[in-house]
Amino acid sequence: MMAVGFFGCCGAMRESQCVLGSFFTCLLVIFAAEVTTGVFAFIGKGVAIRHVQTMYEEAYNDYLKDRGKGNGTLVTFHSAFQCCGKESPEQVQPTCPKELLGHKNCIDEIETIISVKLQLIGIVGIGIAGLTIFGMIFSMVLCCAIRNSQDVI
């Protein structure tokens, strides 16, 4: 990011079309990477949710097999997602957060929280992509203005 900013600043200060063109190219590559990442995140949202749910179910089943051994992961899941158990919390009650009031199904809670967080990340990504487009437009306007001012001289 420092190199991209350096291209932009030096190109503007020196009024260099070449450096401003490099700045535009870097912004274009960053924009393409942002769009690609956004598309893959949107497409892979279900896979990510299922993966985390599978990890929870494995930790849940490990805890039920040996209640003394596998509770660290389950405690982490329960405290991070503020939930307890799958259908009922009775089997895993010692691993549930003390401040949790009522019962929240962890499988449903995982899906809800990941969906909300990915939506928030998507909104931030759209904002950053908008700023990138804004920078590309201004770099091209400045590049064209430099070319036009050199043609006059």
Protein backbone atom coordinates (compact mmCIF):
# COMPACT_ATOMS: atom_id res chain seq x y z
CA MET A 1 0.00 0.00 0.00
CA MET A 2 2.92 2.32 0.66
CA ALA A 3 4.26 1.67 -2.84
CA VAL A 4 0.88 2.42 -4.39
CA GLY A 5 0.60 5.63 -2.37
CA PHE A 6 4.15 6.50 -3.39
CA PHE A 7 3.24 6.11 -7.08
CA GLY A 8 0.23 8.38 -6.61
CA CYS A 9 2.07 11.11 -4.72
CA CYS A 10 5.17 11.13 -6.91
CA GLY A 11 3.10 11.04 -10.08
CA ALA A 12 1.03 13.99 -8.96
CA MET A 13 4.00 16.04 -7.69
CA ARG A 14 6.20 15.41 -10.71
CA GLU A 15 3.27 15.53 -13.11
CA SER A 16 4.45 12.26 -14.64
CA GLN A 17 2.01 10.39 -16.86
CA CYS A 18 4.04 7.19 -16.55
CA VAL A 19 3.96 7.13 -12.75
CA LEU A 20 0.27 8.09 -12.68
CA GLY A 21 -0.39 5.29 -15.17
CA SER A 22 1.41 2.89 -12.83
CA PHE A 23 -0.71 4.18 -9.95
CA PHE A 24 -3.87 3.60 -12.01
CA THR A 25 -2.72 0.08 -12.91
CA CYS A 26 -2.02 -0.76 -9.27
CA LEU A 27 -5.46 0.52 -8.26
CA LEU A 28 -7.04 -1.49 -11.07
CA VAL A 29 -5.32 -4.69 -9.85
CA ILE A 30 -6.41 -3.97 -6.26
CA PHE A 31 -9.98 -3.36 -7.44
CA ALA A 32 -10.00 -6.63 -9.39
CA ALA A 33 -8.71 -8.48 -6.31
CA GLU A 34 -11.42 -6.90 -4.15
CA VAL A 35 -14.17 -7.90 -6.57
CA THR A 36 -12.81 -11.44 -6.89
CA THR A 37 -12.57 -11.83 -3.12
CA GLY A 38 -16.10 -10.52 -2.70
CA VAL A 39 -17.51 -12.94 -5.25
CA PHE A 40 -15.73 -15.91 -3.67
CA ALA A 41 -16.89 -14.86 -0.18
CA PHE A 42 -20.48 -14.56 -1.38
CA ILE A 43 -20.35 -17.93 -3.15
CA GLY A 44 -18.51 -19.69 -0.30
CA LYS A 45 -20.63 -18.37 2.57
CA GLY A 46 -22.60 -21.62 2.89
CA VAL A 47 -19.41 -23.69 2.84
CA ALA A 48 -17.88 -21.57 5.61
CA ILE A 49 -21.00 -21.90 7.76
CA ARG A 50 -21.15 -25.68 7.26
CA HIS A 51 -17.44 -26.00 8.08
CA VAL A 52 -17.78 -24.15 11.39
CA GLN A 53 -20.94 -26.13 12.23
CA THR A 54 -19.06 -29.38 11.51
CA MET A 55 -16.23 -28.28 13.78
CA TYR A 56 -18.76 -27.55 16.52
CA GLU A 57 -20.46 -30.93 16.10
CA GLU A 58 -17.10 -32.72 16.29
CA ALA A 59 -16.23 -30.89 19.50
CA TYR A 60 -19.73 -31.61 20.85
CA ASN A 61 -19.45 -35.33 20.10
CA ASP A 62 -15.91 -35.50 21.55
CA TYR A 63 -17.20 -33.93 24.74
CA LEU A 64 -20.07 -36.43 24.99
CA LYS A 65 -17.64 -39.35 24.55
CA ASP A 66 -15.23 -38.16 27.22
CA ARG A 67 -16.62 -35.30 29.31
CA GLY A 68 -13.28 -34.51 30.96
CA LYS A 69 -11.11 -34.37 27.85
CA GLY A 70 -12.69 -32.39 25.03
CA ASN A 71 -14.34 -29.42 26.67
CA GLY A 72 -11.84 -26.64 25.83
CA THR A 73 -13.02 -26.26 22.27
CA LEU A 74 -16.65 -26.49 23.31
CA VAL A 75 -16.19 -23.79 25.96
CA THR A 76 -14.60 -21.55 23.33
CA PHE A 77 -17.49 -22.10 20.91
CA HIS A 78 -20.07 -21.46 23.62
CA SER A 79 -18.45 -18.26 24.85
CA ALA A 80 -17.72 -16.90 21.36
CA PHE A 81 -21.22 -17.52 19.98
CA GLN A 82 -23.07 -17.08 23.30
CA CYS A 83 -24.95 -20.35 22.87
CA CYS A 84 -25.26 -23.71 24.58
CA GLY A 85 -25.69 -27.14 23.03
CA LYS A 86 -27.66 -28.27 20.03
CA GLU A 87 -31.22 -29.31 20.85
CA SER A 88 -30.97 -28.95 24.62
CA PRO A 89 -28.24 -27.64 26.92
CA GLU A 90 -28.51 -30.38 29.55
CA GLN A 91 -25.75 -32.62 28.17
CA VAL A 92 -23.16 -29.84 27.91
CA GLN A 93 -24.32 -27.51 30.71
CA PRO A 94 -20.86 -27.30 32.44
CA THR A 95 -19.34 -25.81 29.27
CA CYS A 96 -22.03 -23.14 28.80
CA PRO A 97 -21.44 -19.48 29.67
CA LYS A 98 -22.77 -18.56 33.11
CA GLU A 99 -24.24 -15.26 31.91
CA LEU A 100 -26.33 -16.93 29.18
CA LEU A 101 -30.03 -16.60 29.90
CA GLY A 102 -32.22 -19.21 28.25
CA HIS A 103 -31.22 -21.67 25.57
CA LYS A 104 -29.69 -20.79 22.21
CA ASN A 105 -29.05 -23.56 19.71
CA CYS A 106 -25.39 -23.27 18.68
CA ILE A 107 -25.93 -24.62 15.16
CA ASP A 108 -28.47 -21.85 14.45
CA GLU A 109 -26.39 -19.24 16.24
CA ILE A 110 -23.28 -20.08 14.17
CA GLU A 111 -25.23 -19.58 10.95
CA THR A 112 -26.75 -16.29 12.12
CA ILE A 113 -23.53 -14.73 13.38
CA ILE A 114 -21.40 -15.73 10.38
CA SER A 115 -24.06 -14.43 7.98
CA VAL A 116 -24.23 -11.09 9.78
CA LYS A 117 -20.44 -10.73 9.97
CA LEU A 118 -19.95 -11.60 6.30
CA GLN A 119 -22.63 -9.06 5.39
CA LEU A 120 -20.79 -6.40 7.39
CA ILE A 121 -17.50 -7.32 5.72
CA GLY A 122 -19.25 -7.08 2.33
CA ILE A 123 -20.53 -3.57 3.09
CA VAL A 124 -17.05 -2.44 4.12
CA GLY A 125 -15.61 -4.05 0.98
CA ILE A 126 -18.08 -2.17 -1.22
CA GLY A 127 -17.04 1.08 0.46
CA ILE A 128 -13.36 0.36 -0.11
CA ALA A 129 -14.05 -0.59 -3.74
CA GLY A 130 -15.88 2.72 -4.17
CA LEU A 131 -12.86 4.61 -2.85
CA THR A 132 -10.62 2.64 -5.21
CA ILE A 133 -12.79 3.60 -8.19
CA PHE A 134 -12.71 7.21 -6.99
CA GLY A 135 -8.89 7.09 -6.92
CA MET A 136 -8.75 5.52 -10.40
CA ILE A 137 -10.99 8.26 -11.83
CA PHE A 138 -8.92 11.05 -10.30
CA SER A 139 -5.63 9.52 -11.44
CA MET A 140 -6.93 9.33 -15.03
CA VAL A 141 -8.32 12.89 -14.88
CA LEU A 142 -4.95 14.13 -13.60
CA CYS A 143 -3.09 12.12 -16.23
CA CYS A 144 -5.26 13.57 -19.02
CA ALA A 145 -4.85 17.09 -17.63
CA ILE A 146 -1.06 16.66 -17.64
CA ARG A 147 -1.15 15.43 -21.24
CA ASN A 148 -3.34 18.35 -22.31
CA SER A 149 -1.13 20.89 -20.55
CA GLN A 150 1.97 19.43 -22.24
CA ASP A 151 0.30 19.61 -25.66
CA VAL A 152 -0.37 23.33 -25.16
CA ILE A 153 3.28 24.08 -24.35
